[in-house]
Amino acid sequence: MSGAEAHPQPASVLTIAGAALHRGSRELWAGLDLDVAPGEFIAVLGPSGSGKTTLLRSILGLQPLSAGSIRVGGDPVRRGNPRIGYVPQQRPLPPDTSMRARDLVALGVRGARFGLPIPHRGDRARVDALLDGVGAAHYADRRVGLLSGGEQQRLRVGQALADQPMLLLCDEPLSNLDLANQRGVTDIIDRQRHDHGTAVLFVTHDINPILGHVDRILYIAGGRFVLGTPDEVLQSRVLTELYGTPVFVLRAGDRLVVVGVPDAEAQHEHEHDHDDAAGAGGFA
């Protein structure tokens, strides 16, 4: 695979050992051990405030662990690691944003600078290849503020893949997208991991759009967690034990629905771990 040739990868792209995180006096989770192999797709589920986004921040070197260690490609975590790509939640850019689609992707190639990125030899070809890879070539020169949410999110994925990362962190990247764009963005990410061996850690409140792609699930709730395949984790018995209250996993056509999650009606679509109080949630 071309990605593996460019960046030789160890057996584990991401290694988390004995990790713990606290917010003030409250323990978000502790004793987390996780090895992520090249090309593996892991979904991270749980209620708002459970520590999902904080986990991503720790991998990015932005949030120190309370205990344990995290290594990416065999090396300790650090800020600005080009081995890691990051795709945030979709938030519409202002309509009057003057930056073009190709300029947004170019920030991943050239780095963010004041004003527009300064061109370098070969940069345009790389940007064009990234735009083509995420299906955005036909609107490359349009202003990003005039693009739909799905079109903007494709550009964010292209930006995240600029350095051919060995690990892609996705923080609710499908929120606020319609089903067609959810499928389109998911397919791009899935193709990247199959073609280039990029491992994916995908935080989401809704497992359904990605269920067919997921290898394992890390489900965090109430200071505890469970890790396993979708069939092992998405069971009424397992989630009942995790939450400490009766929870039922039901199938409605081709979708999974969780019934009985505590305070599910208070669930937020996106978890802002740095300031949210602990909540509860599920997926539907």
C-alpha atoms as a PDB file:
ATOM      1  CA  MET A   1       0.000   0.000   0.000  1.00  0.00           C
ATOM      2  CA  SER A   2       1.295   3.450  -0.885  1.00  0.00           C
ATOM      3  CA  GLY A   3       0.619   4.911   2.571  1.00  0.00           C
ATOM      4  CA  ALA A   4       2.485   2.072   4.280  1.00  0.00           C
ATOM      5  CA  GLU A   5       5.450   2.614   1.934  1.00  0.00           C
ATOM      6  CA  ALA A   6       5.572   6.331   2.753  1.00  0.00           C
ATOM      7  CA  HIS A   7       5.305   5.818   6.533  1.00  0.00           C
ATOM      8  CA  PRO A   8       6.439   2.345   7.753  1.00  0.00           C
ATOM      9  CA  GLN A   9       4.068   1.404  10.543  1.00  0.00           C
ATOM     10  CA  PRO A  10       4.618  -0.643  13.697  1.00  0.00           C
ATOM     11  CA  ALA A  11       2.249  -3.443  14.684  1.00  0.00           C
ATOM     12  CA  SER A  12       0.306  -0.918  16.773  1.00  0.00           C
ATOM     13  CA  VAL A  13      -0.362   2.552  15.390  1.00  0.00           C
ATOM     14  CA  LEU A  14      -1.762   3.687  18.747  1.00  0.00           C
ATOM     15  CA  THR A  15      -0.852   2.200  22.124  1.00  0.00           C
ATOM     16  CA  ILE A  16      -2.638   3.333  25.275  1.00  0.00           C
ATOM     17  CA  ALA A  17      -1.440   1.700  28.510  1.00  0.00           C
ATOM     18  CA  GLY A  18      -2.958   2.039  31.985  1.00  0.00           C
ATOM     19  CA  ALA A  19      -4.488   5.385  31.050  1.00  0.00           C
ATOM     20  CA  ALA A  20      -6.634   7.415  33.433  1.00  0.00           C
ATOM     21  CA  LEU A  21      -8.254  10.826  33.153  1.00  0.00           C
ATOM     22  CA  HIS A  22      -9.745  13.022  35.859  1.00  0.00           C
ATOM     23  CA  ARG A  23     -11.733  16.237  35.667  1.00  0.00           C
ATOM     24  CA  GLY A  24     -11.215  17.900  38.998  1.00  0.00           C
ATOM     25  CA  SER A  25     -12.059  15.307  41.628  1.00  0.00           C
ATOM     26  CA  ARG A  26     -14.139  13.203  39.217  1.00  0.00           C
ATOM     27  CA  GLU A  27     -12.604  10.232  37.448  1.00  0.00           C
ATOM     28  CA  LEU A  28     -13.664  10.061  33.798  1.00  0.00           C
ATOM     29  CA  TRP A  29     -12.132   6.633  33.325  1.00  0.00           C
ATOM     30  CA  ALA A  30      -9.109   4.631  34.461  1.00  0.00           C
ATOM     31  CA  GLY A  31      -7.190   1.504  33.527  1.00  0.00           C
ATOM     32  CA  LEU A  32      -7.643   1.911  29.783  1.00  0.00           C
ATOM     33  CA  ASP A  33      -5.429  -0.337  27.654  1.00  0.00           C
ATOM     34  CA  LEU A  34      -5.871  -0.108  23.902  1.00  0.00           C
ATOM     35  CA  ASP A  35      -3.748  -1.200  20.943  1.00  0.00           C
ATOM     36  CA  VAL A  36      -4.937  -0.025  17.539  1.00  0.00           C
ATOM     37  CA  ALA A  37      -3.606  -1.830  14.477  1.00  0.00           C
ATOM     38  CA  PRO A  38      -2.964  -0.243  11.058  1.00  0.00           C
ATOM     39  CA  GLY A  39      -6.218   0.065   9.137  1.00  0.00           C
ATOM     40  CA  GLU A  40      -8.399  -0.669  12.182  1.00  0.00           C
ATOM     41  CA  PHE A  41     -11.639   1.308  12.610  1.00  0.00           C
ATOM     42  CA  ILE A  42     -12.646   1.884  16.245  1.00  0.00           C
ATOM     43  CA  ALA A  43     -15.813   3.728  17.238  1.00  0.00           C
ATOM     44  CA  VAL A  44     -15.862   5.578  20.566  1.00  0.00           C
ATOM     45  CA  LEU A  45     -19.338   5.833  22.089  1.00  0.00           C
ATOM     46  CA  GLY A  46     -20.758   7.148  25.326  1.00  0.00           C
ATOM     47  CA  PRO A  47     -22.771   9.952  26.909  1.00  0.00           C
ATOM     48  CA  SER A  48     -21.773  13.588  26.812  1.00  0.00           C
ATOM     49  CA  GLY A  49     -19.134  14.317  29.424  1.00  0.00           C
ATOM     50  CA  SER A  50     -17.851  10.731  29.594  1.00  0.00           C
ATOM     51  CA  GLY A  51     -14.395  11.594  28.300  1.00  0.00           C
ATOM     52  CA  LYS A  52     -14.568  10.750  24.585  1.00  0.00           C
ATOM     53  CA  THR A  53     -13.320  14.075  23.254  1.00  0.00           C
ATOM     54  CA  THR A  54     -10.836  14.383  26.116  1.00  0.00           C
ATOM     55  CA  LEU A  55      -9.372  11.056  24.998  1.00  0.00           C
ATOM     56  CA  LEU A  56      -8.780  12.507  21.527  1.00  0.00           C
ATOM     57  CA  ARG A  57      -7.226  15.623  23.065  1.00  0.00           C
ATOM     58  CA  SER A  58      -4.845  13.432  25.037  1.00  0.00           C
ATOM     59  CA  ILE A  59      -3.786  11.581  21.891  1.00  0.00           C
ATOM     60  CA  LEU A  60      -3.193  14.964  20.231  1.00  0.00           C
ATOM     61  CA  GLY A  61      -0.938  15.982  23.122  1.00  0.00           C
ATOM     62  CA  LEU A  62      -3.328  18.702  24.280  1.00  0.00           C
ATOM     63  CA  GLN A  63      -4.559  17.075  27.496  1.00  0.00           C
ATOM     64  CA  PRO A  64      -2.164  15.246  29.858  1.00  0.00           C
ATOM     65  CA  LEU A  65      -3.276  11.932  31.293  1.00  0.00           C
ATOM     66  CA  SER A  66      -3.764  11.540  35.022  1.00  0.00           C
ATOM     67  CA  ALA A  67      -1.969   8.201  34.775  1.00  0.00           C
ATOM     68  CA  GLY A  68      -0.598   5.856  32.123  1.00  0.00           C
ATOM     69  CA  SER A  69       0.850   6.551  28.707  1.00  0.00           C
ATOM     70  CA  ILE A  70      -0.056   7.037  25.052  1.00  0.00           C
ATOM     71  CA  ARG A  71       2.252   6.311  22.122  1.00  0.00           C
ATOM     72  CA  VAL A  72       1.632   6.953  18.424  1.00  0.00           C
ATOM     73  CA  GLY A  73       3.786   4.979  16.018  1.00  0.00           C
ATOM     74  CA  GLY A  74       5.893   3.887  18.979  1.00  0.00           C
ATOM     75  CA  ASP A  75       6.666   7.448  20.095  1.00  0.00           C
ATOM     76  CA  PRO A  76       5.208   9.483  22.990  1.00  0.00           C
ATOM     77  CA  VAL A  77       2.403  11.852  22.060  1.00  0.00           C
ATOM     78  CA  ARG A  78       3.260  15.439  21.182  1.00  0.00           C
ATOM     79  CA  ARG A  79       1.466  18.474  19.817  1.00  0.00           C
ATOM     80  CA  GLY A  80       1.464  18.965  16.076  1.00  0.00           C
ATOM     81  CA  ASN A  81       2.283  15.353  15.240  1.00  0.00           C
ATOM     82  CA  PRO A  82       2.039  14.947  11.424  1.00  0.00           C
ATOM     83  CA  ARG A  83       1.366  11.235  11.932  1.00  0.00           C
ATOM     84  CA  ILE A  84      -2.084  12.189  13.242  1.00  0.00           C
ATOM     85  CA  GLY A  85      -4.909  13.656  11.185  1.00  0.00           C
ATOM     86  CA  TYR A  86      -7.898  15.290  12.884  1.00  0.00           C
ATOM     87  CA  VAL A  87     -11.432  15.751  11.545  1.00  0.00           C
ATOM     88  CA  PRO A  88     -13.683  17.942  13.742  1.00  0.00           C
ATOM     89  CA  GLN A  89     -17.440  18.155  13.969  1.00  0.00           C
ATOM     90  CA  GLN A  90     -19.026  19.893  10.987  1.00  0.00           C
ATOM     91  CA  ARG A  91     -19.725  23.541  11.760  1.00  0.00           C
ATOM     92  CA  PRO A  92     -20.775  25.808   8.886  1.00  0.00           C
ATOM     93  CA  LEU A  93     -18.274  28.447   7.861  1.00  0.00           C
ATOM     94  CA  PRO A  94     -19.654  32.015   7.534  1.00  0.00           C
ATOM     95  CA  PRO A  95     -21.149  32.700   4.075  1.00  0.00           C
ATOM     96  CA  ASP A  96     -18.797  35.662   3.583  1.00  0.00           C
ATOM     97  CA  THR A  97     -15.644  33.555   4.088  1.00  0.00           C
ATOM     98  CA  SER A  98     -13.420  34.487   1.143  1.00  0.00           C
ATOM     99  CA  MET A  99     -11.187  31.396   1.292  1.00  0.00           C
ATOM    100  CA  ARG A 100     -11.671  28.970  -1.596  1.00  0.00           C
ATOM    101  CA  ALA A 101     -12.130  25.237  -1.179  1.00  0.00           C
ATOM    102  CA  ARG A 102      -8.584  24.554  -2.346  1.00  0.00           C
ATOM    103  CA  ASP A 103      -7.218  27.088   0.161  1.00  0.00           C
ATOM    104  CA  LEU A 104      -8.824  25.202   3.046  1.00  0.00           C
ATOM    105  CA  VAL A 105      -7.271  21.910   1.957  1.00  0.00           C
ATOM    106  CA  ALA A 106      -3.962  23.675   1.315  1.00  0.00           C
ATOM    107  CA  LEU A 107      -3.733  24.596   5.000  1.00  0.00           C
ATOM    108  CA  GLY A 108      -3.105  20.913   5.677  1.00  0.00           C
ATOM    109  CA  VAL A 109      -0.379  20.798   3.024  1.00  0.00           C
ATOM    110  CA  ARG A 110       1.413  24.053   3.859  1.00  0.00           C
ATOM    111  CA  GLY A 111       0.424  24.640   7.446  1.00  0.00           C
ATOM    112  CA  ALA A 112      -1.810  27.385   8.823  1.00  0.00           C
ATOM    113  CA  ARG A 113      -0.312  30.840   8.385  1.00  0.00           C
ATOM    114  CA  PHE A 114      -1.687  34.349   8.607  1.00  0.00           C
ATOM    115  CA  GLY A 115      -3.453  35.176   5.369  1.00  0.00           C
ATOM    116  CA  LEU A 116      -3.554  32.739   2.482  1.00  0.00           C
ATOM    117  CA  PRO A 117      -0.986  29.924   2.362  1.00  0.00           C
ATOM    118  CA  ILE A 118       2.208  30.726   0.468  1.00  0.00           C
ATOM    119  CA  PRO A 119       2.556  28.440  -2.566  1.00  0.00           C
ATOM    120  CA  HIS A 120       5.448  25.998  -2.789  1.00  0.00           C
ATOM    121  CA  ARG A 121       6.609  23.831  -5.662  1.00  0.00           C
ATOM    122  CA  GLY A 122       4.498  20.693  -5.863  1.00  0.00           C
ATOM    123  CA  ASP A 123       1.878  21.969  -3.430  1.00  0.00           C
ATOM    124  CA  ARG A 124      -0.791  22.531  -6.078  1.00  0.00           C
ATOM    125  CA  ALA A 125      -0.475  18.951  -7.344  1.00  0.00           C
ATOM    126  CA  ARG A 126      -0.827  17.618  -3.791  1.00  0.00           C
ATOM    127  CA  VAL A 127      -3.848  19.820  -3.112  1.00  0.00           C
ATOM    128  CA  ASP A 128      -5.454  18.760  -6.403  1.00  0.00           C
ATOM    129  CA  ALA A 129      -4.900  15.093  -5.527  1.00  0.00           C
ATOM    130  CA  LEU A 130      -6.474  15.570  -2.098  1.00  0.00           C
ATOM    131  CA  LEU A 131      -9.452  17.423  -3.563  1.00  0.00           C
ATOM    132  CA  ASP A 132      -9.948  14.640  -6.079  1.00  0.00           C
ATOM    133  CA  GLY A 133      -9.646  11.991  -3.361  1.00  0.00           C
ATOM    134  CA  VAL A 134     -12.483  13.474  -1.315  1.00  0.00           C
ATOM    135  CA  GLY A 135     -14.699  14.192  -4.322  1.00  0.00           C
ATOM    136  CA  ALA A 136     -14.272  17.966  -4.138  1.00  0.00           C
ATOM    137  CA  ALA A 137     -12.376  18.693  -7.372  1.00  0.00           C
ATOM    138  CA  HIS A 138     -15.437  20.140  -9.112  1.00  0.00           C
ATOM    139  CA  TYR A 139     -15.846  22.912  -6.528  1.00  0.00           C
ATOM    140  CA  ALA A 140     -12.149  23.487  -5.779  1.00  0.00           C
ATOM    141  CA  ASP A 141     -12.271  27.190  -6.670  1.00  0.00           C
ATOM    142  CA  ARG A 142     -15.579  28.064  -5.030  1.00  0.00           C
ATOM    143  CA  ARG A 143     -15.687  30.075  -1.800  1.00  0.00           C
ATOM    144  CA  VAL A 144     -16.058  27.725   1.150  1.00  0.00           C
ATOM    145  CA  GLY A 145     -18.757  29.864   2.780  1.00  0.00           C
ATOM    146  CA  LEU A 146     -21.059  29.144  -0.161  1.00  0.00           C
ATOM    147  CA  LEU A 147     -20.652  25.365   0.060  1.00  0.00           C
ATOM    148  CA  SER A 148     -23.022  22.969   1.791  1.00  0.00           C
ATOM    149  CA  GLY A 149     -22.141  21.369   5.115  1.00  0.00           C
ATOM    150  CA  GLY A 150     -21.317  18.079   3.424  1.00  0.00           C
ATOM    151  CA  GLU A 151     -19.052  19.788   0.883  1.00  0.00           C
ATOM    152  CA  GLN A 152     -17.229  21.657   3.647  1.00  0.00           C
ATOM    153  CA  GLN A 153     -16.754  18.467   5.635  1.00  0.00           C
ATOM    154  CA  ARG A 154     -15.189  16.696   2.662  1.00  0.00           C
ATOM    155  CA  LEU A 155     -12.631  19.519   2.586  1.00  0.00           C
ATOM    156  CA  ARG A 156     -11.873  19.059   6.288  1.00  0.00           C
ATOM    157  CA  VAL A 157     -11.232  15.369   5.655  1.00  0.00           C
ATOM    158  CA  GLY A 158      -8.937  16.273   2.755  1.00  0.00           C
ATOM    159  CA  GLN A 159      -7.048  18.692   5.001  1.00  0.00           C
ATOM    160  CA  ALA A 160      -6.671  16.001   7.690  1.00  0.00           C
ATOM    161  CA  LEU A 161      -5.231  13.531   5.163  1.00  0.00           C
ATOM    162  CA  ALA A 162      -2.634  15.944   3.764  1.00  0.00           C
ATOM    163  CA  ASP A 163       0.310  14.282   5.543  1.00  0.00           C
ATOM    164  CA  GLN A 164      -0.908  10.720   4.907  1.00  0.00           C
ATOM    165  CA  PRO A 165      -1.349  10.182   8.676  1.00  0.00           C
ATOM    166  CA  MET A 166      -1.071   6.752  10.221  1.00  0.00           C
ATOM    167  CA  LEU A 167      -3.871   7.670  12.660  1.00  0.00           C
ATOM    168  CA  LEU A 168      -7.048   9.614  11.900  1.00  0.00           C
ATOM    169  CA  LEU A 169      -9.004  11.059  14.840  1.00  0.00           C
ATOM    170  CA  CYS A 170     -12.618  11.935  14.030  1.00  0.00           C
ATOM    171  CA  ASP A 171     -14.662  13.912  16.564  1.00  0.00           C
ATOM    172  CA  GLU A 172     -18.360  13.692  15.653  1.00  0.00           C
ATOM    173  CA  PRO A 173     -17.572  14.386  11.968  1.00  0.00           C
ATOM    174  CA  LEU A 174     -21.058  13.386  10.764  1.00  0.00           C
ATOM    175  CA  SER A 175     -23.078  15.645  13.064  1.00  0.00           C
ATOM    176  CA  ASN A 176     -25.419  18.030  11.230  1.00  0.00           C
ATOM    177  CA  LEU A 177     -24.974  16.170   7.920  1.00  0.00           C
ATOM    178  CA  ASP A 178     -27.814  14.542   5.995  1.00  0.00           C
ATOM    179  CA  LEU A 179     -27.733  10.800   5.325  1.00  0.00           C
ATOM    180  CA  ALA A 180     -26.210  11.129   1.853  1.00  0.00           C
ATOM    181  CA  ASN A 181     -23.332  13.263   3.101  1.00  0.00           C
ATOM    182  CA  GLN A 182     -22.857  11.044   6.153  1.00  0.00           C
ATOM    183  CA  ARG A 183     -22.394   8.134   3.773  1.00  0.00           C
ATOM    184  CA  GLY A 184     -20.069  10.108   1.505  1.00  0.00           C
ATOM    185  CA  VAL A 185     -17.757  11.254   4.313  1.00  0.00           C
ATOM    186  CA  THR A 186     -17.751   7.795   5.907  1.00  0.00           C
ATOM    187  CA  ASP A 187     -16.845   6.167   2.595  1.00  0.00           C
ATOM    188  CA  ILE A 188     -13.872   8.532   2.154  1.00  0.00           C
ATOM    189  CA  ILE A 189     -12.553   7.675   5.620  1.00  0.00           C
ATOM    190  CA  ASP A 190     -13.132   3.957   5.092  1.00  0.00           C
ATOM    191  CA  ARG A 191     -11.318   4.030   1.744  1.00  0.00           C
ATOM    192  CA  GLN A 192      -8.349   5.795   3.349  1.00  0.00           C
ATOM    193  CA  ARG A 193      -7.921   3.106   5.966  1.00  0.00           C
ATOM    194  CA  HIS A 194      -8.236   0.281   3.435  1.00  0.00           C
ATOM    195  CA  ASP A 195      -5.957   1.842   0.801  1.00  0.00           C
ATOM    196  CA  HIS A 196      -3.313   3.342   3.087  1.00  0.00           C
ATOM    197  CA  GLY A 197      -3.555   1.422   6.366  1.00  0.00           C
ATOM    198  CA  THR A 198      -4.663   4.501   8.295  1.00  0.00           C
ATOM    199  CA  ALA A 199      -6.123   3.585  11.682  1.00  0.00           C
ATOM    200  CA  VAL A 200      -9.336   5.420  12.623  1.00  0.00           C
ATOM    201  CA  LEU A 201     -10.625   6.461  16.052  1.00  0.00           C
ATOM    202  CA  PHE A 202     -14.149   7.758  15.465  1.00  0.00           C
ATOM    203  CA  VAL A 203     -16.090   9.519  18.237  1.00  0.00           C
ATOM    204  CA  THR A 204     -19.822   9.505  17.556  1.00  0.00           C
ATOM    205  CA  HIS A 205     -23.190   9.630  19.291  1.00  0.00           C
ATOM    206  CA  ASP A 206     -24.814   7.577  16.520  1.00  0.00           C
ATOM    207  CA  ILE A 207     -23.257   4.261  15.539  1.00  0.00           C
ATOM    208  CA  ASN A 208     -25.673   3.560  12.686  1.00  0.00           C
ATOM    209  CA  PRO A 209     -23.952   5.462   9.827  1.00  0.00           C
ATOM    210  CA  ILE A 210     -20.623   3.705  10.494  1.00  0.00           C
ATOM    211  CA  LEU A 211     -21.737   0.348  11.919  1.00  0.00           C
ATOM    212  CA  GLY A 212     -20.840  -1.600   8.777  1.00  0.00           C
ATOM    213  CA  HIS A 213     -17.257  -0.281   8.879  1.00  0.00           C
ATOM    214  CA  VAL A 214     -16.441  -0.660  12.578  1.00  0.00           C
ATOM    215  CA  ASP A 215     -14.003  -3.317  13.799  1.00  0.00           C
ATOM    216  CA  ARG A 216     -14.265  -2.574  17.520  1.00  0.00           C
ATOM    217  CA  ILE A 217     -16.190  -0.276  19.858  1.00  0.00           C
ATOM    218  CA  LEU A 218     -14.913   1.523  22.936  1.00  0.00           C
ATOM    219  CA  TYR A 219     -18.007   2.428  24.956  1.00  0.00           C
ATOM    220  CA  ILE A 220     -17.421   4.783  27.922  1.00  0.00           C
ATOM    221  CA  ALA A 221     -20.078   5.547  30.539  1.00  0.00           C
ATOM    222  CA  GLY A 222     -20.171   6.439  34.217  1.00  0.00           C
ATOM    223  CA  GLY A 223     -16.409   6.201  34.716  1.00  0.00           C
ATOM    224  CA  ARG A 224     -16.309   2.717  33.208  1.00  0.00           C
ATOM    225  CA  PHE A 225     -15.755   1.333  29.734  1.00  0.00           C
ATOM    226  CA  VAL A 226     -16.157  -1.787  27.648  1.00  0.00           C
ATOM    227  CA  LEU A 227     -14.135  -2.693  24.554  1.00  0.00           C
ATOM    228  CA  GLY A 228     -14.989  -5.294  21.928  1.00  0.00           C
ATOM    229  CA  THR A 229     -16.526  -5.999  18.543  1.00  0.00           C
ATOM    230  CA  PRO A 230     -19.935  -4.464  17.767  1.00  0.00           C
ATOM    231  CA  ASP A 231     -21.603  -7.827  18.397  1.00  0.00           C
ATOM    232  CA  GLU A 232     -19.872  -8.109  21.775  1.00  0.00           C
ATOM    233  CA  VAL A 233     -20.597  -4.554  22.970  1.00  0.00           C
ATOM    234  CA  LEU A 234     -23.998  -3.692  21.496  1.00  0.00           C
ATOM    235  CA  GLN A 235     -25.992  -6.056  23.675  1.00  0.00           C
ATOM    236  CA  SER A 236     -28.659  -5.272  26.242  1.00  0.00           C
ATOM    237  CA  ARG A 237     -26.793  -7.274  28.893  1.00  0.00           C
ATOM    238  CA  VAL A 238     -23.475  -5.497  28.307  1.00  0.00           C
ATOM    239  CA  LEU A 239     -24.893  -1.970  28.330  1.00  0.00           C
ATOM    240  CA  THR A 240     -27.101  -2.742  31.315  1.00  0.00           C
ATOM    241  CA  GLU A 241     -24.000  -3.745  33.260  1.00  0.00           C
ATOM    242  CA  LEU A 242     -22.075  -0.705  32.021  1.00  0.00           C
ATOM    243  CA  TYR A 243     -24.785   1.804  32.998  1.00  0.00           C
ATOM    244  CA  GLY A 244     -25.933  -0.070  36.095  1.00  0.00           C
ATOM    245  CA  THR A 245     -29.564   0.184  35.014  1.00  0.00           C
ATOM    246  CA  PRO A 246     -31.727  -1.776  32.528  1.00  0.00           C
ATOM    247  CA  VAL A 247     -30.824  -0.836  28.941  1.00  0.00           C
ATOM    248  CA  PHE A 248     -32.242  -2.515  25.845  1.00  0.00           C
ATOM    249  CA  VAL A 249     -30.639  -2.676  22.406  1.00  0.00           C
ATOM    250  CA  LEU A 250     -33.273  -3.108  19.709  1.00  0.00           C
ATOM    251  CA  ARG A 251     -33.150  -3.437  15.939  1.00  0.00           C
ATOM    252  CA  ALA A 252     -35.529  -1.282  13.910  1.00  0.00           C
ATOM    253  CA  GLY A 253     -35.040  -2.292  10.292  1.00  0.00           C
ATOM    254  CA  ASP A 254     -31.397  -1.618   9.515  1.00  0.00           C
ATOM    255  CA  ARG A 255     -30.900   0.640  12.552  1.00  0.00           C
ATOM    256  CA  LEU A 256     -30.036   0.036  16.186  1.00  0.00           C
ATOM    257  CA  VAL A 257     -31.993   1.799  18.906  1.00  0.00           C
ATOM    258  CA  VAL A 258     -31.047   1.944  22.587  1.00  0.00           C
ATOM    259  CA  VAL A 259     -33.897   2.211  25.097  1.00  0.00           C
ATOM    260  CA  GLY A 260     -33.529   2.972  28.793  1.00  0.00           C
ATOM    261  CA  VAL A 261     -30.266   4.939  28.811  1.00  0.00           C
ATOM    262  CA  PRO A 262     -30.418   7.270  31.853  1.00  0.00           C
ATOM    263  CA  ASP A 263     -31.399  10.847  30.973  1.00  0.00           C
ATOM    264  CA  ALA A 264     -31.180  10.075  27.254  1.00  0.00           C
ATOM    265  CA  GLU A 265     -33.443  13.028  26.528  1.00  0.00           C
ATOM    266  CA  ALA A 266     -30.707  15.348  27.840  1.00  0.00           C
ATOM    267  CA  GLN A 267     -28.114  13.925  25.458  1.00  0.00           C
ATOM    268  CA  HIS A 268     -26.106  16.495  23.523  1.00  0.00           C
ATOM    269  CA  GLU A 269     -25.265  15.919  19.876  1.00  0.00           C
ATOM    270  CA  HIS A 270     -21.632  16.819  20.530  1.00  0.00           C
ATOM    271  CA  GLU A 271     -19.590  16.330  23.643  1.00  0.00           C
ATOM    272  CA  HIS A 272     -17.582  19.321  24.825  1.00  0.00           C
ATOM    273  CA  ASP A 273     -15.541  17.412  27.363  1.00  0.00           C
ATOM    274  CA  HIS A 274     -13.685  20.453  28.604  1.00  0.00           C
ATOM    275  CA  ASP A 275     -16.756  22.095  30.082  1.00  0.00           C
ATOM    276  CA  ASP A 276     -19.792  19.797  30.002  1.00  0.00           C
ATOM    277  CA  ALA A 277     -21.165  18.223  33.125  1.00  0.00           C
ATOM    278  CA  ALA A 278     -21.530  14.462  33.094  1.00  0.00           C
ATOM    279  CA  GLY A 279     -24.564  13.348  31.174  1.00  0.00           C
ATOM    280  CA  ALA A 280     -25.875  10.193  29.616  1.00  0.00           C
ATOM    281  CA  GLY A 281     -26.728   9.139  26.164  1.00  0.00           C
ATOM    282  CA  GLY A 282     -26.911   6.374  23.655  1.00  0.00           C
ATOM    283  CA  PHE A 283     -27.506   6.037  19.967  1.00  0.00           C
ATOM    284  CA  ALA A 284     -30.510   5.776  17.735  1.00  0.00           C
END
